[in-house]
Amino acid sequence: MFKSINLTDFKGIRKCEKPIELSKFNLLIGPNNSGKTSILEALYLSINPWISPWPFNKTEDRAKMILFNKIHSGWISLIYRYYGLSKLESTLNVGSRISVLIGSHDAICFIDGKELTDFKSLSGALRNLYIIKSDDELADCIAYIPSDNRFLSRLIELITKKENWFKVQKTDVHSKIVKDFVSKVVSDDFTDVTIQFSEMVVRREIKPGGSTAYIDVRDLGDGVERFLAVGLWLEALNPKVVLWDDLEASAHPALISQIIRWLGEHDWQVVATTHSLDVLHEFVLAEPEDARVIQLKKSKNDVLSYKVLSLKEVEELFKRGLDVRKLLNW
């Protein structure tokens, strides 16, 4: 979906040396404060700053703005040195160009030079930027998973609401994701995930045809809980783009391997960040379609540059005993 993204005066980035080219599955690496999360947030805000994917759009007014107010020091924190305007420019595979201007309290989105005010007037290709559920319900096709426990708690709270859980059940993902994913990373025989007393639980068969137990997903570990919540949301939403910050958070290498393979099996664009050598190793082994590693570096003048590495190049560095995360001389 996204062909490239360019950032000007956004957060800690004054400008990009050149637009960042993206493929289907992109793994961003780089030192702290090199711009990894900033790129995810720029992509998230690029389509439209004011709407968010289910289940947030019906329960949170201006959900993107609220999200950034919670995980940062307010909307103004998106502007370089907290003054002036930020500018995000992206190109799409359908050929359109999107520009977003962000001020201290507002943002304006332009598509091919025209301000976006009426979604219904968009052409067919551009309407695919959004998931249109009804005449009055419009959801962004981008799903962003920040590395923030408050977001995860809020996501679980919203998914377990009765009206939202019905949407999950309708897709049958509540059983599919347990059988195809969770069963591969835990030893117990779980059949599906369900809701009891407003909490997510997994159903476990003690023995075939015998009794059934219900286990709180929190007791399966933070990594499984995090993935179950995110996986249910993404499967039910089926977005065009998935943005995942700190892919390795709370995850065992076996879990990481399954997450990468699961992401690669879907027809969505993925942009994820990591500090983990395990993620890089599993990324190479999984060989997702049209995948690349993007190595980021920010200069002392806050200019962002990057280098693209193919999976074969990363694999060769592993064979030579080199840590690709530390190779920043270009």
Protein backbone atom coordinates (compact mmCIF):
# COMPACT_ATOMS: atom_id res chain seq x y z
CA MET A 1 0.00 0.00 0.00
CA PHE A 2 2.65 2.56 1.05
CA LYS A 3 5.39 2.96 -1.52
CA SER A 4 7.36 5.56 0.44
CA ILE A 5 7.20 7.99 3.35
CA ASN A 6 9.03 11.28 3.91
CA LEU A 7 9.20 13.21 7.21
CA THR A 8 9.94 16.90 7.73
CA ASP A 9 10.13 18.47 11.21
CA PHE A 10 8.42 15.42 12.72
CA LYS A 11 9.26 14.59 16.34
CA GLY A 12 13.07 14.36 16.59
CA ILE A 13 13.62 14.29 12.81
CA ARG A 14 14.36 17.55 11.00
CA LYS A 15 14.27 15.88 7.59
CA CYS A 16 14.97 12.66 5.73
CA GLU A 17 18.00 12.39 3.51
CA LYS A 18 15.65 10.75 0.98
CA PRO A 19 12.13 9.25 1.12
CA ILE A 20 12.01 5.87 2.84
CA GLU A 21 11.05 3.19 0.31
CA LEU A 22 8.85 0.38 1.63
CA SER A 23 8.05 -3.17 0.52
CA LYS A 24 5.38 -5.65 1.68
CA PHE A 25 7.14 -6.73 4.92
CA ASN A 26 9.55 -4.20 6.45
CA LEU A 27 11.60 -4.65 9.62
CA LEU A 28 13.09 -1.42 10.98
CA ILE A 29 16.28 -1.58 13.04
CA GLY A 30 18.55 1.08 14.47
CA PRO A 31 19.82 2.59 17.74
CA ASN A 32 17.55 4.25 20.28
CA ASN A 33 16.21 7.58 19.02
CA SER A 34 17.07 6.71 15.41
CA GLY A 35 13.50 7.19 14.17
CA LYS A 36 11.99 3.69 14.15
CA THR A 37 8.86 4.54 16.12
CA SER A 38 8.62 7.93 14.41
CA ILE A 39 8.26 6.22 11.03
CA LEU A 40 5.44 4.02 12.32
CA GLU A 41 3.65 7.02 13.79
CA ALA A 42 4.14 9.02 10.58
CA LEU A 43 2.60 6.20 8.53
CA TYR A 44 -0.26 5.89 11.02
CA LEU A 45 -1.05 9.60 10.72
CA SER A 46 -0.56 9.74 6.94
CA ILE A 47 -3.94 8.44 5.80
CA ASN A 48 -6.06 10.62 8.06
CA PRO A 49 -5.16 11.96 11.51
CA TRP A 50 -8.68 11.85 12.90
CA ILE A 51 -10.03 8.34 12.47
CA SER A 52 -8.88 5.01 13.83
CA PRO A 53 -9.56 1.33 13.20
CA TRP A 54 -12.20 -0.70 14.97
CA PRO A 55 -12.80 -1.02 17.86
CA PHE A 56 -11.57 2.52 18.59
CA ASN A 57 -13.52 4.57 16.07
CA LYS A 58 -16.91 4.15 17.75
CA THR A 59 -15.72 4.62 21.31
CA GLU A 60 -12.96 7.20 21.10
CA ASP A 61 -13.43 10.67 19.62
CA ARG A 62 -10.43 11.58 17.46
CA ALA A 63 -8.75 8.40 18.63
CA LYS A 64 -5.38 8.99 17.01
CA MET A 65 -5.02 12.34 18.74
CA ILE A 66 -6.04 10.79 22.06
CA LEU A 67 -3.56 7.93 21.58
CA PHE A 68 -0.64 10.29 20.97
CA ASN A 69 -1.64 12.49 23.87
CA LYS A 70 -1.40 9.42 26.09
CA ILE A 71 1.86 7.89 24.85
CA HIS A 72 3.64 11.23 24.33
CA SER A 73 3.64 14.62 25.99
CA GLY A 74 0.67 15.82 23.95
CA TRP A 75 -0.04 16.48 20.27
CA ILE A 76 2.65 19.18 20.15
CA SER A 77 5.29 16.51 20.82
CA LEU A 78 4.87 15.43 17.18
CA ILE A 79 6.48 18.70 16.03
CA TYR A 80 10.24 19.10 15.79
CA ARG A 81 11.43 21.22 18.74
CA TYR A 82 7.74 21.74 19.67
CA TYR A 83 7.16 24.71 17.37
CA GLY A 84 5.88 25.26 13.84
CA LEU A 85 4.46 22.51 11.61
CA SER A 86 5.32 18.91 10.83
CA LYS A 87 4.90 17.62 7.30
CA LEU A 88 4.38 14.00 6.28
CA GLU A 89 4.47 13.02 2.61
CA SER A 90 3.69 9.53 1.40
CA THR A 91 3.19 7.86 -1.95
CA LEU A 92 0.87 4.90 -2.44
CA ASN A 93 1.08 1.93 -4.75
CA VAL A 94 -2.08 3.19 -6.49
CA GLY A 95 -0.11 6.28 -7.53
CA SER A 96 -1.64 8.87 -5.22
CA ARG A 97 0.33 11.23 -3.02
CA ILE A 98 -0.77 12.12 0.50
CA SER A 99 0.43 15.10 2.54
CA VAL A 100 -0.40 15.80 6.18
CA LEU A 101 0.38 19.05 7.97
CA ILE A 102 0.41 18.77 11.76
CA GLY A 103 0.14 21.76 14.06
CA SER A 104 0.06 21.99 17.83
CA HIS A 105 -3.72 21.33 18.00
CA ASP A 106 -4.82 20.25 14.55
CA ALA A 107 -3.85 18.47 11.35
CA ILE A 108 -4.88 18.73 7.69
CA CYS A 109 -4.73 15.92 5.14
CA PHE A 110 -4.33 16.42 1.38
CA ILE A 111 -4.70 13.75 -1.31
CA ASP A 112 -3.14 14.66 -4.65
CA GLY A 113 -3.13 18.31 -3.59
CA LYS A 114 -6.82 18.42 -2.56
CA GLU A 115 -7.80 18.73 1.09
CA LEU A 116 -9.58 15.63 2.36
CA THR A 117 -12.97 16.72 3.66
CA ASP A 118 -15.51 14.40 2.02
CA PHE A 119 -14.71 10.66 2.08
CA LYS A 120 -17.63 9.78 -0.18
CA SER A 121 -16.11 11.76 -3.05
CA LEU A 122 -12.97 9.61 -3.17
CA SER A 123 -12.29 7.50 -6.23
CA GLY A 124 -12.55 3.72 -6.06
CA ALA A 125 -8.82 3.21 -5.57
CA LEU A 126 -8.63 5.81 -2.84
CA ARG A 127 -11.75 4.49 -1.11
CA ASN A 128 -9.70 1.34 -0.52
CA LEU A 129 -7.68 3.42 1.95
CA TYR A 130 -10.62 3.08 4.29
CA ILE A 131 -12.86 0.31 5.53
CA ILE A 132 -16.38 1.58 4.90
CA LYS A 133 -18.81 -0.37 7.06
CA SER A 134 -21.85 1.82 6.47
CA ASP A 135 -22.75 5.33 5.36
CA ASP A 136 -21.94 6.72 8.79
CA GLU A 137 -19.16 4.40 9.91
CA LEU A 138 -15.70 4.85 8.42
CA ALA A 139 -12.60 3.14 9.77
CA ASP A 140 -8.96 3.68 8.91
CA CYS A 141 -7.36 0.68 7.22
CA ILE A 142 -4.16 1.06 9.26
CA ALA A 143 -3.66 -0.81 12.54
CA TYR A 144 -0.95 0.53 14.86
CA ILE A 145 0.31 -1.47 17.85
CA PRO A 146 2.44 0.82 20.03
CA SER A 147 4.81 -0.51 22.67
CA ASP A 148 2.56 0.70 25.46
CA ASN A 149 0.84 -1.37 28.14
CA ARG A 150 -2.00 1.13 28.44
CA PHE A 151 -2.84 0.57 24.79
CA LEU A 152 -2.93 -3.20 25.31
CA SER A 153 -5.18 -2.86 28.36
CA ARG A 154 -7.53 -0.57 26.44
CA LEU A 155 -7.56 -2.92 23.46
CA ILE A 156 -8.51 -5.91 25.63
CA GLU A 157 -11.18 -3.83 27.38
CA LEU A 158 -12.75 -2.88 24.04
CA ILE A 159 -12.52 -6.33 22.44
CA THR A 160 -14.28 -7.93 25.41
CA LYS A 161 -17.27 -5.61 25.12
CA LYS A 162 -20.26 -7.68 24.02
CA GLU A 163 -20.95 -5.80 20.79
CA ASN A 164 -17.29 -6.00 19.75
CA TRP A 165 -16.89 -9.65 20.73
CA PHE A 166 -19.78 -10.57 18.41
CA LYS A 167 -17.70 -9.14 15.54
CA VAL A 168 -14.76 -11.33 16.55
CA GLN A 169 -16.92 -14.46 16.79
CA LYS A 170 -18.45 -13.81 13.38
CA THR A 171 -15.00 -14.19 11.78
CA ASP A 172 -14.36 -17.46 13.68
CA VAL A 173 -10.91 -16.10 14.52
CA HIS A 174 -11.43 -16.83 18.22
CA SER A 175 -10.94 -20.54 17.53
CA LYS A 176 -8.71 -20.31 14.46
CA ILE A 177 -6.03 -18.22 16.12
CA VAL A 178 -5.82 -20.59 19.10
CA LYS A 179 -5.59 -23.74 16.98
CA ASP A 180 -3.23 -22.33 14.35
CA PHE A 181 -1.06 -20.23 16.60
CA VAL A 182 -1.28 -20.58 20.39
CA SER A 183 -1.24 -24.38 20.24
CA LYS A 184 2.17 -24.18 18.55
CA VAL A 185 3.82 -22.19 21.33
CA VAL A 186 2.26 -23.67 24.50
CA SER A 187 2.05 -27.29 25.60
CA ASP A 188 -1.62 -27.33 26.70
CA ASP A 189 -4.42 -28.37 24.36
CA PHE A 190 -6.48 -25.20 23.95
CA THR A 191 -9.43 -25.03 21.56
CA ASP A 192 -10.52 -21.39 21.43
CA VAL A 193 -10.58 -18.07 23.24
CA THR A 194 -13.81 -16.72 24.71
CA ILE A 195 -15.12 -14.21 27.25
CA GLN A 196 -16.08 -14.92 30.87
CA PHE A 197 -17.02 -12.14 33.27
CA SER A 198 -15.60 -9.53 30.85
CA GLU A 199 -12.21 -11.30 30.77
CA MET A 200 -10.53 -13.15 27.92
CA VAL A 201 -10.08 -16.85 28.69
CA VAL A 202 -8.91 -19.84 26.66
CA ARG A 203 -10.81 -23.11 26.71
CA ARG A 204 -8.80 -26.22 27.54
CA GLU A 205 -9.88 -29.81 27.14
CA ILE A 206 -8.59 -31.85 30.08
CA LYS A 207 -8.98 -34.98 27.94
CA PRO A 208 -10.93 -35.75 24.76
CA GLY A 209 -14.62 -35.93 25.54
CA GLY A 210 -13.90 -35.11 29.18
CA SER A 211 -14.13 -32.00 31.31
CA THR A 212 -13.28 -28.48 30.17
CA ALA A 213 -11.29 -25.81 31.98
CA TYR A 214 -11.10 -22.08 31.31
CA ILE A 215 -7.73 -20.37 31.78
CA ASP A 216 -7.34 -16.59 32.05
CA VAL A 217 -5.11 -15.49 29.15
CA ARG A 218 -3.07 -13.40 31.59
CA ASP A 219 -1.89 -16.66 33.15
CA LEU A 220 -0.35 -17.78 29.83
CA GLY A 221 2.29 -15.05 30.00
CA ASP A 222 2.54 -11.47 28.78
CA GLY A 223 3.70 -12.46 25.30
CA VAL A 224 0.75 -14.77 24.57
CA GLU A 225 -1.73 -12.30 26.08
CA ARG A 226 -0.34 -9.49 23.95
CA PHE A 227 -0.48 -11.53 20.77
CA LEU A 228 -3.96 -12.90 21.41
CA ALA A 229 -5.39 -9.41 21.86
CA VAL A 230 -3.57 -8.02 18.83
CA GLY A 231 -4.23 -11.11 16.72
CA LEU A 232 -7.98 -11.10 17.41
CA TRP A 233 -8.14 -7.41 16.56
CA LEU A 234 -6.14 -7.70 13.33
CA GLU A 235 -7.94 -10.80 12.09
CA ALA A 236 -11.36 -9.24 12.70
CA LEU A 237 -10.35 -5.87 11.24
CA ASN A 238 -8.28 -7.23 8.32
CA PRO A 239 -6.45 -3.92 7.73
CA LYS A 240 -4.39 -2.96 4.70
CA VAL A 241 -1.36 -1.99 6.81
CA VAL A 242 -0.04 -3.29 10.16
CA LEU A 243 2.40 -1.12 12.12
CA TRP A 244 3.93 -2.97 15.10
CA ASP A 245 6.37 -1.31 17.49
CA ASP A 246 8.82 -3.55 19.42
CA LEU A 247 7.71 -6.79 17.83
CA GLU A 248 9.67 -8.80 20.40
CA ALA A 249 8.02 -7.31 23.52
CA SER A 250 7.46 -10.06 26.14
CA ALA A 251 7.87 -12.77 23.50
CA HIS A 252 9.92 -15.98 23.61
CA PRO A 253 11.87 -16.75 20.38
CA ALA A 254 9.41 -19.57 19.56
CA LEU A 255 6.56 -17.07 19.86
CA ILE A 256 8.44 -14.53 17.74
CA SER A 257 8.87 -17.12 15.00
CA GLN A 258 5.14 -17.83 14.89
CA ILE A 259 4.23 -14.12 14.92
CA ILE A 260 6.49 -13.39 11.94
CA ARG A 261 5.12 -16.34 9.97
CA TRP A 262 1.55 -15.39 10.86
CA LEU A 263 2.08 -11.78 9.74
CA GLY A 264 3.70 -12.94 6.50
CA GLU A 265 0.77 -15.21 5.63
CA HIS A 266 -1.68 -12.31 5.36
CA ASP A 267 -2.28 -9.95 2.49
CA TRP A 268 -1.35 -6.78 4.34
CA GLN A 269 1.71 -4.55 4.39
CA VAL A 270 3.75 -4.86 7.59
CA VAL A 271 6.14 -2.30 9.05
CA ALA A 272 7.60 -3.42 12.38
CA THR A 273 10.44 -2.30 14.63
CA THR A 274 12.83 -4.35 16.73
CA HIS A 275 15.99 -4.28 18.84
CA SER A 276 16.13 -8.06 19.00
CA LEU A 277 18.65 -10.33 17.34
CA ASP A 278 16.13 -13.17 17.78
CA VAL A 279 13.61 -11.28 15.62
CA LEU A 280 16.20 -10.73 12.90
CA HIS A 281 17.20 -14.38 12.98
CA GLU A 282 13.60 -15.63 12.81
CA PHE A 283 12.84 -13.06 10.09
CA VAL A 284 15.59 -14.55 7.91
CA LEU A 285 14.43 -18.12 8.60
CA ALA A 286 10.76 -17.34 7.85
CA GLU A 287 11.57 -15.63 4.52
CA PRO A 288 8.33 -13.61 4.21
CA GLU A 289 7.36 -12.54 0.72
CA ASP A 290 8.88 -9.25 -0.49
CA ALA A 291 10.69 -8.65 2.83
CA ARG A 292 13.51 -6.30 3.72
CA VAL A 293 15.42 -4.96 6.71
CA ILE A 294 15.69 -1.17 6.87
CA GLN A 295 18.59 0.06 8.95
CA LEU A 296 18.11 3.60 10.28
CA LYS A 297 20.64 6.20 11.37
CA LYS A 298 20.12 9.79 12.53
CA SER A 299 22.86 12.40 12.29
CA LYS A 300 23.74 14.98 14.94
CA ASN A 301 21.80 17.46 12.82
CA ASP A 302 18.70 15.23 13.10
CA VAL A 303 18.80 14.13 9.46
CA LEU A 304 17.48 10.59 9.00
CA SER A 305 19.24 8.24 6.59
CA TYR A 306 18.71 4.55 5.94
CA LYS A 307 20.13 1.48 4.27
CA VAL A 308 18.11 -1.45 2.86
CA LEU A 309 19.31 -5.00 3.46
CA SER A 310 17.88 -8.08 1.79
CA LEU A 311 17.29 -11.24 3.79
CA LYS A 312 20.25 -12.86 2.03
CA GLU A 313 22.52 -9.98 3.07
CA VAL A 314 21.40 -10.28 6.70
CA GLU A 315 21.93 -14.04 6.55
CA GLU A 316 25.47 -13.54 5.24
CA LEU A 317 26.24 -11.19 8.12
CA PHE A 318 25.00 -13.83 10.57
CA LYS A 319 27.28 -16.42 8.97
CA ARG A 320 30.25 -14.07 9.37
CA GLY A 321 29.42 -13.54 13.06
CA LEU A 322 28.51 -9.87 12.57
CA ASP A 323 25.71 -8.08 14.39
CA VAL A 324 23.79 -6.13 11.76
CA ARG A 325 22.34 -3.85 14.46
CA LYS A 326 25.78 -2.35 15.09
CA LEU A 327 26.88 -1.82 11.50
CA LEU A 328 26.07 1.85 11.00
CA ASN A 329 28.98 3.02 8.84
CA TRP A 330 27.67 4.09 5.45
